[in-house]
Amino acid sequence: MGNSLLRVLGLLCLSSLVCCEHTEDKPEPVLIVSPSWLSPGASVTLRCEVKPPSAGWAFYWYKAVPDISQRNYRYELLPDSIRGTVEDFYIIHGQRNTAGYACRAGRGNQEYLTDYSEQKIVWSQDSQPAASLRVSPNREKHFTSDNVQLYCEGKSASWRVKRFTNSWSDSTDCSDWGTLSESSCTINSSWSHLSVYWCESGSGEFSNAVNITIHTPKPVLTVSPSWLSPGASVTLRCEVEHPSAEWRFYWYKAVPDPSYLNYKFKLLPGSREGTVNDTYVIHGQTHTVGYACRTERRNPEYPTDYSEPKYVWSAGSYPTVSFTVSPDREQHSPSVSVTLSCGTNSAEWRVMKFSEKGYIANIENCPGLWTTTGSSCTFSTHLRHQSGVYWCESGSGEFSNAVNISVHNRDLLLVSPVRPVTEGTSVLLSCKLRGENTLSNVIFYNNEKLVQNDSRGELNISAVSQSDEGFYKCEHSGKVSPQSWMAVQAPSRPESSLFLVLLVTGSVGGVILIIFLLLLCRFRQSKEQPVSKDQHQDQQQIYSSLLHGDLCVYETIRGSANSGKGQHDDSEKIPDCVGMTSP
């Protein structure tokens, strides 16, 4: 009796172990469909993979039919699939509408079958009378603030709306991500994503499918020109998706600020309430500066993020922050070390670079983030991508002048100043050949026009003028250098001259004011009494005193009786005494 009981227990344990091992290692089929979206005349290929892979499987192919009552699908065998197929693929011809499929694998005479695979959907944009999906507003891209409605239309009384997002491997119902109301669904989303939506009816049909993108709008700012020239205005243009009269535009100056790690944004004049126009013009800008824009829709109210900052560069120096390059030239050959120096009164500074590909890039060995260490950095031009526009930003909110630095893997380079040349000064352009220090018989061009062709190796312009501004390049022994822009700036106006103009203008204005007050005083006296001979002599004495500059005039100013609430109608004696000494 005892031995029989032990045998039974042993068999139960062995059976349990075999069962558990079989459950853990049970193969799972995975269905792959191609293509995901139907196109006219294209066939659909189903491929079933068993994991872990092994030989001897038969494959069974199914159509997935929506079963709303069970919140799932029921499966119907496809033609020629009753006994299974040896091949692990199945081709469907003539499919026009959205459909779902599944597969499973078996061994023997269906003695052992895997579970069904996850159903996969083949989408079609074609609608059918029995089931169709309508989107309102009727467009593909929507903002996170938009009220997007999905309507299921057809003969069925019950519906569900499905969504497939790349973030998940399976589809989900409207109840998981929206608000369901009979045959419609409202998308509720505060995050950006791209999804496929479709309807499934209670009678087992699929509707057409639609792609819908939900995203947070971000305006795009463009500036023109990128480089400032004397007297030129700067035009900002802010673009946003789905432009309409509902949008208002806000314009900002981007101010470097270490506490923000990047920039803080200050509204530009006339932008507090926003503008209807998508352009904004700035006059009188003379230094490097950054700008940004933001848009806001009033109905429904929805503000966008700030645009990426865009820059307007100036080669002219700013009094509180400057930027220098050593060697002081624009063109550099690979493997040359370049030193960038930021002259600023601020303890914090950083170097910025706008690459040739159109984005802000980091600089090897130079601080892209705020730093208080030193005031210069050195990097190597061993890579071509070091070319770009460089400038400094100070922790107190200023931009430096900007410079172009270009790296060229050529034998011949032009040596030209990286900073603007002042009118009236001299400038020396030369050519540098790899491995040689001095050259002769160098040809120079300005804006593709020959300007010098002789035995000299340098181009010396003794007194630079605005006509000398432009692109320069050099040629030697059949080799031609890249071209570089040489900017010419007007000389700064001496402050002493401006002070003299203000002094003369102020003196003349003071004399005119004294004459006016004198005439006003004599006019009032003439109205009160007739002018006698003695008074006529007094007037002549006053005019004589005015010419010699020793007159002190007193005028009584009486407040207006209707001067406004809270003001008193008092008279006060105000001396307007001007003491001028004659030469």
Protein backbone atom coordinates (compact mmCIF):
# COMPACT_ATOMS: atom_id res chain seq x y z
CA MET A 1 0.00 0.00 0.00
CA GLY A 2 2.78 2.37 0.98
CA ASN A 3 4.77 1.61 -2.19
CA SER A 4 1.71 2.25 -4.39
CA LEU A 5 1.14 5.62 -2.77
CA LEU A 6 4.76 6.60 -3.35
CA ARG A 7 4.52 5.61 -7.02
CA VAL A 8 1.38 7.77 -7.48
CA LEU A 9 3.01 10.77 -5.83
CA GLY A 10 6.10 10.34 -7.98
CA LEU A 11 4.04 10.21 -11.17
CA LEU A 12 2.16 13.36 -10.12
CA CYS A 13 5.38 15.25 -9.46
CA LEU A 14 6.89 14.12 -12.76
CA SER A 15 3.72 15.08 -14.62
CA SER A 16 3.74 18.47 -12.93
CA LEU A 17 7.36 19.10 -13.92
CA VAL A 18 6.77 18.08 -17.52
CA CYS A 19 3.64 20.25 -17.69
CA CYS A 20 5.38 23.30 -16.26
CA GLU A 21 8.37 22.86 -18.55
CA HIS A 22 6.05 22.51 -21.53
CA THR A 23 4.15 25.70 -20.56
CA GLU A 24 7.31 27.74 -20.10
CA ASP A 25 8.72 26.67 -23.47
CA LYS A 26 5.45 26.84 -25.41
CA PRO A 27 6.19 28.34 -28.84
CA GLU A 28 4.63 31.67 -29.74
CA PRO A 29 3.75 32.69 -33.30
CA VAL A 30 4.50 36.21 -34.52
CA LEU A 31 2.68 37.58 -37.58
CA ILE A 32 4.28 40.05 -39.99
CA VAL A 33 2.23 41.77 -42.69
CA SER A 34 3.55 43.60 -45.72
CA PRO A 35 2.67 46.25 -46.73
CA SER A 36 1.05 47.97 -43.74
CA TRP A 37 -0.90 50.33 -46.02
CA LEU A 38 -2.74 49.04 -49.07
CA SER A 39 -2.16 50.49 -52.49
CA PRO A 40 -4.25 49.74 -55.62
CA GLY A 41 -3.35 46.40 -57.16
CA ALA A 42 -0.86 45.41 -54.45
CA SER A 43 -1.01 41.99 -52.81
CA VAL A 44 -0.68 41.40 -49.05
CA THR A 45 1.92 38.96 -47.75
CA LEU A 46 1.48 37.33 -44.33
CA ARG A 47 4.49 35.67 -42.70
CA CYS A 48 4.25 33.59 -39.51
CA GLU A 49 7.36 33.04 -37.38
CA VAL A 50 7.46 30.58 -34.48
CA LYS A 51 9.71 31.47 -31.58
CA PRO A 52 11.82 29.64 -30.69
CA PRO A 53 12.15 28.42 -34.29
CA SER A 54 12.02 24.71 -35.12
CA ALA A 55 11.06 22.47 -38.05
CA GLY A 56 7.92 20.46 -38.68
CA TRP A 57 5.28 23.16 -38.23
CA ALA A 58 2.11 23.64 -40.24
CA PHE A 59 0.73 27.17 -40.43
CA TYR A 60 -2.88 28.27 -40.18
CA TRP A 61 -4.07 31.68 -41.44
CA TYR A 62 -7.03 33.63 -40.11
CA LYS A 63 -9.06 36.74 -40.74
CA ALA A 64 -9.55 38.73 -37.50
CA VAL A 65 -13.20 39.82 -37.22
CA PRO A 66 -14.07 42.53 -34.66
CA ASP A 67 -16.13 41.22 -31.73
CA ILE A 68 -17.22 44.30 -29.78
CA SER A 69 -19.23 42.35 -27.20
CA GLN A 70 -16.06 40.51 -26.14
CA ARG A 71 -13.77 43.55 -26.64
CA ASN A 72 -11.63 41.34 -28.84
CA TYR A 73 -11.63 39.50 -32.19
CA ARG A 74 -12.91 36.19 -33.43
CA TYR A 75 -10.90 34.32 -36.03
CA GLU A 76 -12.08 32.85 -39.34
CA LEU A 77 -9.84 30.53 -41.37
CA LEU A 78 -8.75 31.91 -44.72
CA PRO A 79 -9.22 29.81 -47.88
CA ASP A 80 -6.85 26.84 -48.33
CA SER A 81 -5.83 27.08 -44.70
CA ILE A 82 -8.01 24.36 -43.15
CA ARG A 83 -5.23 21.74 -43.20
CA GLY A 84 -2.50 24.32 -42.74
CA THR A 85 0.36 25.19 -45.06
CA VAL A 86 3.92 23.98 -45.09
CA GLU A 87 5.10 27.42 -46.15
CA ASP A 88 5.37 30.05 -43.42
CA PHE A 89 3.87 32.71 -45.68
CA TYR A 90 0.46 33.35 -47.23
CA ILE A 91 -0.37 35.79 -50.04
CA ILE A 92 -3.71 37.60 -50.38
CA HIS A 93 -4.72 39.18 -53.68
CA GLY A 94 -7.35 41.82 -54.31
CA GLN A 95 -7.65 43.19 -50.76
CA ARG A 96 -8.98 46.76 -50.94
CA ASN A 97 -10.31 47.62 -47.48
CA THR A 98 -8.79 47.69 -44.02
CA ALA A 99 -8.58 44.17 -42.58
CA GLY A 100 -7.11 42.26 -39.64
CA TYR A 101 -5.20 38.98 -39.75
CA ALA A 102 -3.68 36.41 -37.37
CA CYS A 103 -1.85 33.09 -37.55
CA ARG A 104 -0.94 30.09 -35.46
CA ALA A 105 1.14 26.95 -35.93
CA GLY A 106 0.46 23.27 -35.26
CA ARG A 107 2.08 19.82 -35.34
CA GLY A 108 0.57 16.51 -36.35
CA ASN A 109 -3.09 16.44 -37.25
CA GLN A 110 -3.74 19.55 -35.17
CA GLU A 111 -2.82 17.48 -32.11
CA TYR A 112 -0.80 20.42 -30.90
CA LEU A 113 -1.63 24.06 -31.77
CA THR A 114 0.02 27.26 -30.56
CA ASP A 115 -2.02 30.23 -29.40
CA TYR A 116 -3.16 32.81 -31.93
CA SER A 117 -0.66 35.48 -32.80
CA GLU A 118 -1.40 39.10 -32.04
CA GLN A 119 -3.68 40.38 -34.79
CA LYS A 120 -2.08 42.70 -37.31
CA ILE A 121 -4.00 45.27 -39.34
CA VAL A 122 -3.54 46.14 -43.00
CA TRP A 123 -4.86 49.69 -43.42
CA SER A 124 -6.62 51.23 -46.36
CA GLN A 125 -7.75 54.80 -46.97
CA ASP A 126 -10.77 53.53 -48.91
CA SER A 127 -14.07 53.74 -47.06
CA GLN A 128 -16.99 51.35 -47.55
CA PRO A 129 -20.74 51.85 -47.05
CA ALA A 130 -20.86 49.52 -44.07
CA ALA A 131 -18.17 51.38 -42.13
CA SER A 132 -16.35 54.68 -42.58
CA LEU A 133 -14.37 57.08 -40.38
CA ARG A 134 -14.76 60.86 -40.59
CA VAL A 135 -12.39 63.32 -38.87
CA SER A 136 -13.26 66.85 -37.81
CA PRO A 137 -11.40 69.14 -38.46
CA ASN A 138 -10.64 67.33 -41.69
CA ARG A 139 -6.83 67.46 -41.73
CA GLU A 140 -3.95 65.23 -40.76
CA LYS A 141 -2.02 67.52 -38.37
CA HIS A 142 -3.58 68.92 -35.20
CA PHE A 143 -2.34 70.81 -32.15
CA THR A 144 -2.53 69.32 -28.66
CA SER A 145 -5.13 71.99 -27.83
CA ASP A 146 -7.40 71.11 -30.77
CA ASN A 147 -10.73 69.38 -30.25
CA VAL A 148 -10.41 66.47 -32.70
CA GLN A 149 -13.57 64.43 -33.28
CA LEU A 150 -13.67 60.95 -34.84
CA TYR A 151 -17.07 59.84 -36.21
CA CYS A 152 -17.89 56.21 -37.08
CA GLU A 153 -20.57 56.03 -39.77
CA GLY A 154 -22.33 53.01 -41.29
CA LYS A 155 -25.15 50.49 -40.80
CA SER A 156 -24.04 49.14 -37.42
CA ALA A 157 -25.58 50.27 -34.12
CA SER A 158 -22.42 49.67 -32.10
CA TRP A 159 -18.88 50.86 -32.73
CA ARG A 160 -15.41 51.13 -31.30
CA VAL A 161 -12.56 53.42 -32.34
CA LYS A 162 -9.07 51.94 -32.43
CA ARG A 163 -5.65 53.54 -32.46
CA PHE A 164 -2.21 52.20 -33.29
CA THR A 165 0.83 54.19 -32.11
CA ASN A 166 4.45 53.32 -32.73
CA SER A 167 5.05 53.61 -28.99
CA TRP A 168 3.02 50.45 -28.44
CA SER A 169 3.05 47.17 -30.33
CA ASP A 170 -0.72 46.67 -30.19
CA SER A 171 -3.81 48.79 -30.79
CA THR A 172 -5.92 50.37 -28.05
CA ASP A 173 -9.54 51.51 -27.72
CA CYS A 174 -10.89 55.06 -27.46
CA SER A 175 -11.71 54.46 -23.77
CA ASP A 176 -7.95 54.26 -23.11
CA TRP A 177 -6.98 57.63 -24.64
CA GLY A 178 -10.17 59.61 -25.47
CA THR A 179 -13.79 60.23 -24.65
CA LEU A 180 -16.30 57.84 -26.25
CA SER A 181 -19.86 58.96 -27.01
CA GLU A 182 -21.96 56.40 -28.91
CA SER A 183 -20.44 56.42 -32.41
CA SER A 184 -17.90 59.23 -31.90
CA CYS A 185 -14.64 59.67 -30.04
CA THR A 186 -12.86 62.84 -28.91
CA ILE A 187 -9.07 62.68 -28.81
CA ASN A 188 -7.65 63.82 -25.47
CA SER A 189 -3.90 64.27 -25.74
CA SER A 190 -1.37 66.65 -24.26
CA TRP A 191 1.66 64.97 -25.84
CA SER A 192 2.89 64.84 -29.40
CA HIS A 193 2.52 61.60 -31.36
CA LEU A 194 1.66 60.07 -34.73
CA SER A 195 -1.06 57.39 -34.79
CA VAL A 196 -3.33 55.46 -37.13
CA TYR A 197 -7.07 55.56 -36.33
CA TRP A 198 -9.95 53.45 -37.61
CA CYS A 199 -13.45 52.26 -36.66
CA GLU A 200 -14.68 48.71 -36.06
CA SER A 201 -18.39 47.91 -36.20
CA GLY A 202 -20.50 45.54 -34.15
CA SER A 203 -21.30 43.65 -37.35
CA GLY A 204 -17.60 42.90 -37.93
CA GLU A 205 -16.46 45.52 -40.47
CA PHE A 206 -13.37 47.74 -40.52
CA SER A 207 -13.59 51.36 -41.68
CA ASN A 208 -11.05 53.29 -43.65
CA ALA A 209 -7.93 54.25 -41.66
CA VAL A 210 -6.42 57.72 -41.24
CA ASN A 211 -3.08 59.04 -40.09
CA ILE A 212 -3.37 61.78 -37.45
CA THR A 213 -0.47 63.75 -36.01
CA ILE A 214 -0.95 65.48 -32.65
CA HIS A 215 1.81 67.91 -31.80
CA THR A 216 2.68 71.05 -29.90
CA PRO A 217 3.16 73.88 -32.40
CA LYS A 218 6.49 75.62 -32.42
CA PRO A 219 6.92 78.71 -34.58
CA VAL A 220 9.88 79.14 -36.90
CA LEU A 221 11.66 82.50 -36.99
CA THR A 222 13.62 83.77 -39.96
CA VAL A 223 15.76 86.92 -39.93
CA SER A 224 16.96 89.00 -42.84
CA PRO A 225 19.72 89.95 -43.30
CA SER A 226 21.93 87.59 -41.29
CA TRP A 227 24.83 90.07 -41.29
CA LEU A 228 24.25 93.72 -40.43
CA SER A 229 25.33 96.49 -42.77
CA PRO A 230 25.24 100.25 -42.00
CA GLY A 231 21.75 101.71 -42.28
CA ALA A 232 20.06 98.38 -43.02
CA SER A 233 16.91 97.36 -41.16
CA VAL A 234 16.31 93.86 -39.79
CA THR A 235 13.13 92.00 -40.73
CA LEU A 236 11.82 89.21 -38.51
CA ARG A 237 9.27 86.74 -39.89
CA CYS A 238 7.44 84.24 -37.69
CA GLU A 239 5.82 81.22 -39.34
CA VAL A 240 3.37 78.81 -37.72
CA GLU A 241 1.46 75.84 -39.06
CA HIS A 242 -2.12 76.44 -40.20
CA PRO A 243 -1.77 80.26 -40.36
CA SER A 244 -5.00 82.17 -39.88
CA ALA A 245 -6.31 85.50 -38.62
CA GLU A 246 -6.69 83.95 -35.15
CA TRP A 247 -2.93 84.01 -34.52
CA ARG A 248 -1.14 86.93 -32.90
CA PHE A 249 2.63 87.25 -32.94
CA TYR A 250 4.95 88.22 -30.09
CA TRP A 251 8.52 89.34 -30.70
CA TYR A 252 11.44 88.96 -28.30
CA LYS A 253 15.06 89.82 -27.86
CA ALA A 254 17.10 86.83 -26.70
CA VAL A 255 19.31 87.93 -23.81
CA PRO A 256 22.15 85.63 -22.64
CA ASP A 257 21.56 84.70 -19.01
CA PRO A 258 23.49 82.07 -16.99
CA SER A 259 20.55 81.62 -14.58
CA TYR A 260 18.46 80.38 -17.53
CA LEU A 261 21.39 78.27 -18.85
CA ASN A 262 20.55 79.65 -22.26
CA TYR A 263 18.51 82.82 -22.89
CA LYS A 264 15.78 84.83 -21.32
CA PHE A 265 13.37 86.59 -23.64
CA LYS A 266 12.43 90.27 -23.43
CA LEU A 267 9.47 91.63 -25.37
CA LEU A 268 10.35 94.08 -28.12
CA PRO A 269 8.56 97.47 -28.25
CA GLY A 270 4.97 97.32 -29.49
CA SER A 271 4.74 93.58 -28.92
CA ARG A 272 3.06 93.37 -25.52
CA GLU A 273 -0.40 92.77 -27.00
CA GLY A 274 0.95 90.88 -30.00
CA THR A 275 0.80 91.89 -33.63
CA VAL A 276 -1.52 90.78 -36.38
CA ASN A 277 1.28 90.81 -38.95
CA ASP A 278 3.74 87.94 -39.01
CA THR A 279 6.63 90.34 -39.67
CA TYR A 280 8.45 92.81 -37.44
CA VAL A 281 10.99 95.38 -38.65
CA ILE A 282 13.83 96.68 -36.47
CA HIS A 283 15.67 99.87 -37.37
CA GLY A 284 19.04 101.05 -36.11
CA GLN A 285 20.44 97.71 -34.95
CA THR A 286 24.24 97.92 -35.01
CA HIS A 287 25.50 94.99 -32.90
CA THR A 288 25.17 91.21 -32.84
CA VAL A 289 21.87 90.18 -31.24
CA GLY A 290 19.52 87.22 -30.94
CA TYR A 291 15.75 87.22 -31.53
CA ALA A 292 12.85 84.84 -30.97
CA CYS A 293 9.11 84.83 -31.56
CA ARG A 294 6.05 83.19 -30.08
CA THR A 295 2.47 82.92 -31.33
CA GLU A 296 -0.85 82.72 -29.56
CA ARG A 297 -4.26 81.76 -30.78
CA ARG A 298 -7.16 83.56 -29.13
CA ASN A 299 -10.10 81.20 -29.87
CA PRO A 300 -9.51 78.79 -28.35
CA GLU A 301 -6.71 80.43 -26.37
CA TYR A 302 -3.47 78.59 -26.95
CA PRO A 303 0.10 79.92 -26.67
CA THR A 304 2.94 78.18 -28.48
CA ASP A 305 6.48 77.66 -27.30
CA TYR A 306 9.23 80.12 -28.17
CA SER A 307 10.90 79.66 -31.51
CA GLU A 308 14.54 78.70 -31.66
CA PRO A 309 16.66 81.86 -31.35
CA LYS A 310 17.97 83.31 -34.58
CA TYR A 311 20.90 85.68 -34.78
CA VAL A 312 21.80 88.84 -36.63
CA TRP A 313 25.57 89.15 -36.65
CA SER A 314 27.70 92.25 -36.73
CA ALA A 315 31.45 92.43 -37.26
CA GLY A 316 31.60 95.67 -35.27
CA SER A 317 32.83 95.57 -31.67
CA TYR A 318 30.61 96.23 -28.68
CA PRO A 319 32.00 98.41 -25.88
CA THR A 320 31.47 95.87 -23.06
CA VAL A 321 32.37 92.61 -24.81
CA SER A 322 34.77 91.89 -27.67
CA PHE A 323 35.91 88.82 -29.54
CA THR A 324 39.33 88.26 -31.10
CA VAL A 325 40.86 85.43 -33.12
CA SER A 326 44.50 84.40 -33.32
CA PRO A 327 45.88 83.96 -35.97
CA ASP A 328 43.97 87.06 -37.09
CA ARG A 329 42.63 85.77 -40.39
CA GLU A 330 39.49 84.10 -41.70
CA GLN A 331 40.94 81.14 -43.64
CA HIS A 332 42.79 78.37 -41.82
CA SER A 333 44.32 75.09 -42.91
CA PRO A 334 43.67 71.81 -41.05
CA SER A 335 45.63 71.05 -37.87
CA VAL A 336 46.18 74.74 -37.09
CA SER A 337 45.43 75.83 -33.52
CA VAL A 338 43.09 78.81 -33.25
CA THR A 339 42.72 80.85 -30.07
CA LEU A 340 39.45 82.61 -29.31
CA SER A 341 39.46 85.38 -26.71
CA CYS A 342 36.46 86.99 -25.03
CA GLY A 343 37.02 90.44 -23.59
CA THR A 344 34.19 91.14 -21.13
CA ASN A 345 33.54 92.82 -17.81
CA SER A 346 31.38 89.87 -16.77
CA ALA A 347 32.78 86.97 -14.75
CA GLU A 348 30.87 84.44 -16.86
CA TRP A 349 31.24 83.90 -20.59
CA ARG A 350 30.80 81.31 -23.30
CA VAL A 351 31.71 80.83 -26.96
CA MET A 352 28.96 80.21 -29.51
CA LYS A 353 29.26 78.75 -32.99
CA PHE A 354 26.77 78.63 -35.84
CA SER A 355 27.83 75.81 -38.16
CA GLU A 356 27.71 75.67 -41.92
CA LYS A 357 24.83 73.18 -41.63
CA GLY A 358 22.69 75.78 -39.89
CA TYR A 359 22.67 74.87 -36.21
CA ILE A 360 24.39 75.83 -32.98
CA ALA A 361 27.35 73.52 -32.40
CA ASN A 362 29.83 72.88 -29.62
CA ILE A 363 33.49 73.78 -30.00
CA GLU A 364 36.19 71.38 -28.91
CA ASN A 365 38.02 72.68 -25.80
CA CYS A 366 35.82 75.82 -25.69
CA PRO A 367 32.98 76.39 -23.23
CA GLY A 368 29.57 75.90 -24.79
CA LEU A 369 28.13 76.31 -21.29
CA TRP A 370 28.78 79.22 -18.98
CA THR A 371 32.23 79.30 -17.39
CA THR A 372 34.25 81.58 -15.12
CA THR A 373 37.62 80.07 -16.02
CA GLY A 374 40.01 82.29 -17.99
CA SER A 375 38.93 84.40 -20.94
CA SER A 376 40.18 82.41 -23.95
CA CYS A 377 40.22 78.92 -25.40
CA THR A 378 42.17 77.14 -28.11
CA PHE A 379 40.89 74.51 -30.50
CA SER A 380 42.35 72.63 -33.44
CA THR A 381 41.00 72.94 -36.95
CA HIS A 382 41.76 69.32 -37.77
CA LEU A 383 38.17 68.76 -38.89
CA ARG A 384 36.40 70.50 -41.75
CA HIS A 385 33.26 71.01 -39.65
CA GLN A 386 34.99 73.68 -37.56
CA SER A 387 33.96 76.26 -40.18
CA GLY A 388 31.22 78.63 -39.05
CA VAL A 389 30.32 81.93 -37.41
CA TYR A 390 31.80 82.45 -33.94
CA TRP A 391 30.99 84.93 -31.18
CA CYS A 392 31.07 85.42 -27.41
CA GLU A 393 28.23 85.95 -24.96
CA SER A 394 28.72 87.49 -21.54
CA GLY A 395 26.95 86.62 -18.32
CA SER A 396 25.70 90.19 -18.11
CA GLY A 397 23.63 89.74 -21.27
CA GLU A 398 25.75 91.10 -24.14
CA PHE A 399 26.82 89.66 -27.48
CA SER A 400 30.27 90.31 -28.91
CA ASN A 401 31.15 90.99 -32.50
CA ALA A 402 30.93 87.91 -34.74
CA VAL A 403 33.62 86.50 -37.01
CA ASN A 404 33.72 84.00 -39.85
CA ILE A 405 36.22 81.17 -39.46
CA SER A 406 36.65 78.79 -42.39
CA VAL A 407 38.79 75.66 -42.58
CA HIS A 408 40.01 74.57 -46.03
CA ASN A 409 42.06 71.56 -46.99
CA ARG A 410 43.80 73.42 -49.82
CA ASP A 411 47.40 74.27 -50.57
CA LEU A 412 46.72 77.97 -51.16
CA LEU A 413 44.88 80.22 -48.70
CA LEU A 414 44.13 83.95 -48.63
CA VAL A 415 45.37 85.88 -45.60
CA SER A 416 42.80 88.61 -44.95
CA PRO A 417 41.62 90.42 -41.81
CA VAL A 418 38.84 88.71 -39.87
CA ARG A 419 37.54 92.06 -38.55
CA PRO A 420 36.19 95.01 -40.58
CA VAL A 421 38.74 97.51 -41.88
CA THR A 422 38.14 101.20 -41.10
CA GLU A 423 37.89 103.66 -43.98
CA GLY A 424 41.09 105.62 -44.54
CA THR A 425 43.38 103.01 -42.97
CA SER A 426 45.71 100.66 -44.82
CA VAL A 427 45.27 96.91 -45.22
CA LEU A 428 47.59 94.20 -46.47
CA LEU A 429 46.30 91.03 -48.15
CA SER A 430 48.62 88.12 -48.91
CA CYS A 431 48.62 84.52 -50.03
CA LYS A 432 49.85 81.55 -47.99
CA LEU A 433 51.09 78.38 -49.66
CA ARG A 434 51.42 75.23 -47.58
CA GLY A 435 55.08 74.69 -46.67
CA GLU A 436 56.28 78.12 -47.89
CA ASN A 437 56.55 81.43 -46.04
CA THR A 438 56.88 84.04 -48.79
CA LEU A 439 55.42 84.13 -52.27
CA SER A 440 55.84 86.31 -55.34
CA ASN A 441 53.92 86.69 -58.59
CA VAL A 442 50.55 86.46 -56.81
CA ILE A 443 47.37 87.49 -58.61
CA PHE A 444 44.55 89.10 -56.57
CA TYR A 445 40.86 89.37 -57.41
CA ASN A 446 38.08 91.51 -55.92
CA ASN A 447 34.55 90.31 -56.70
CA GLU A 448 35.98 88.16 -59.51
CA LYS A 449 37.69 91.18 -61.09
CA LEU A 450 41.47 91.28 -61.49
CA VAL A 451 42.98 93.99 -59.25
CA GLN A 452 46.70 93.11 -59.24
CA ASN A 453 48.90 90.92 -61.46
CA ASP A 454 52.62 91.56 -61.08
CA SER A 455 55.71 90.24 -59.31
CA ARG A 456 54.53 91.28 -55.85
CA GLY A 457 53.24 88.75 -53.34
CA GLU A 458 50.97 91.12 -51.40
CA LEU A 459 48.09 93.45 -52.12
CA ASN A 460 48.53 96.73 -50.26
CA ILE A 461 45.56 99.12 -50.10
CA SER A 462 46.92 102.32 -48.59
CA ALA A 463 43.61 104.09 -47.89
CA VAL A 464 40.63 101.78 -47.75
CA SER A 465 37.25 103.06 -49.00
CA GLN A 466 33.78 101.56 -49.23
CA SER A 467 34.45 100.61 -52.84
CA ASP A 468 37.14 98.19 -51.63
CA GLU A 469 34.61 96.08 -49.72
CA GLY A 470 33.84 92.69 -51.22
CA PHE A 471 35.08 89.14 -51.85
CA TYR A 472 38.81 88.63 -52.36
CA LYS A 473 40.84 85.63 -53.51
CA CYS A 474 44.38 85.02 -54.75
CA GLU A 475 46.04 82.85 -57.39
CA HIS A 476 49.57 81.47 -57.56
CA SER A 477 51.10 78.96 -59.97
CA GLY A 478 47.70 77.81 -61.17
CA LYS A 479 46.32 77.31 -57.65
CA VAL A 480 43.39 79.47 -56.51
CA SER A 481 42.47 80.17 -52.90
CA PRO A 482 38.91 80.21 -51.50
CA GLN A 483 37.40 83.68 -51.39
CA SER A 484 36.77 85.70 -48.23
CA TRP A 485 34.72 88.80 -47.54
CA MET A 486 36.55 91.96 -46.46
CA ALA A 487 34.23 94.38 -44.69
CA VAL A 488 34.83 98.13 -44.55
CA GLN A 489 33.41 100.28 -41.77
CA ALA A 490 33.08 104.02 -41.45
CA PRO A 491 35.34 105.75 -38.92
CA SER A 492 33.71 106.50 -35.57
CA ARG A 493 32.66 110.12 -35.02
CA PRO A 494 34.81 111.90 -32.39
CA GLU A 495 32.88 112.70 -29.24
CA SER A 496 34.46 116.17 -29.01
CA SER A 497 32.87 117.22 -32.30
CA LEU A 498 29.46 116.09 -31.11
CA PHE A 499 29.91 117.99 -27.84
CA LEU A 500 30.83 121.16 -29.74
CA VAL A 501 27.71 120.90 -31.88
CA LEU A 502 25.52 120.45 -28.79
CA LEU A 503 27.21 123.40 -27.04
CA VAL A 504 26.67 125.78 -29.96
CA THR A 505 23.08 124.61 -30.44
CA GLY A 506 22.30 125.08 -26.74
CA SER A 507 23.77 128.60 -26.63
CA VAL A 508 21.79 129.77 -29.65
CA GLY A 509 18.62 128.31 -28.19
CA GLY A 510 19.19 130.15 -24.89
CA VAL A 511 19.58 133.51 -26.63
CA ILE A 512 16.36 132.96 -28.59
CA LEU A 513 14.48 132.12 -25.36
CA ILE A 514 15.70 135.30 -23.67
CA ILE A 515 14.58 137.46 -26.59
CA PHE A 516 11.14 135.80 -26.53
CA LEU A 517 10.68 136.42 -22.78
CA LEU A 518 11.78 140.03 -23.16
CA LEU A 519 9.33 140.72 -25.98
CA LEU A 520 6.52 139.03 -24.01
CA CYS A 521 7.23 141.22 -20.98
CA ARG A 522 7.30 144.47 -22.97
CA PHE A 523 4.11 143.47 -24.81
CA ARG A 524 2.20 143.14 -21.53
CA GLN A 525 3.51 146.49 -20.28
CA SER A 526 2.51 148.20 -23.51
CA LYS A 527 -1.08 146.98 -23.08
CA GLU A 528 -1.36 148.49 -19.55
CA GLN A 529 -0.11 152.04 -20.33
CA PRO A 530 0.93 154.14 -23.31
CA VAL A 531 4.57 154.28 -24.11
CA SER A 532 6.24 157.56 -23.10
CA LYS A 533 9.45 158.98 -24.29
CA ASP A 534 11.26 157.81 -21.14
CA GLN A 535 9.89 154.29 -21.59
CA HIS A 536 11.13 154.27 -25.17
CA GLN A 537 14.59 155.09 -23.84
CA ASP A 538 14.28 152.27 -21.26
CA GLN A 539 13.52 149.80 -24.04
CA GLN A 540 16.64 150.85 -25.87
CA GLN A 541 18.64 150.27 -22.65
CA ILE A 542 17.14 146.77 -22.28
CA TYR A 543 18.03 145.83 -25.83
CA SER A 544 21.52 147.16 -25.19
CA SER A 545 21.80 145.04 -22.02
CA LEU A 546 20.59 141.94 -23.91
CA LEU A 547 23.33 142.31 -26.48
CA HIS A 548 25.94 142.53 -23.72
CA GLY A 549 24.51 139.56 -21.83
CA ASP A 550 23.78 141.12 -18.39
CA LEU A 551 19.97 140.83 -18.30
CA CYS A 552 17.90 139.04 -15.64
CA VAL A 553 14.25 138.53 -16.59
CA TYR A 554 11.44 137.74 -14.13
CA GLU A 555 8.09 136.45 -15.31
CA THR A 556 4.96 135.77 -13.30
CA ILE A 557 3.33 132.44 -14.32
CA ARG A 558 -0.27 132.02 -13.23
CA GLY A 559 -1.81 128.55 -13.10
CA SER A 560 -4.86 127.91 -15.25
CA ALA A 561 -8.24 128.01 -13.56
CA ASN A 562 -9.13 124.75 -15.36
CA SER A 563 -5.86 123.04 -14.60
CA GLY A 564 -7.57 119.92 -13.34
CA LYS A 565 -8.68 118.26 -10.15
CA GLY A 566 -6.22 118.39 -7.29
CA GLN A 567 -4.24 121.35 -8.65
CA HIS A 568 -4.18 124.76 -6.99
CA ASP A 569 -4.66 128.10 -8.75
CA ASP A 570 -1.69 129.77 -7.12
CA SER A 571 0.67 132.34 -8.60
CA GLU A 572 4.33 131.97 -7.99
CA LYS A 573 7.33 134.07 -8.84
CA ILE A 574 9.77 132.14 -11.01
CA PRO A 575 13.07 133.85 -11.78
CA ASP A 576 14.44 133.13 -15.24
CA CYS A 577 17.80 134.78 -14.89
CA VAL A 578 20.40 134.28 -17.57
CA GLY A 579 23.80 135.74 -16.87
CA MET A 580 25.90 136.04 -20.01
CA THR A 581 29.23 137.75 -20.11
CA SER A 582 30.10 139.62 -23.24
CA PRO A 583 33.47 138.94 -24.72
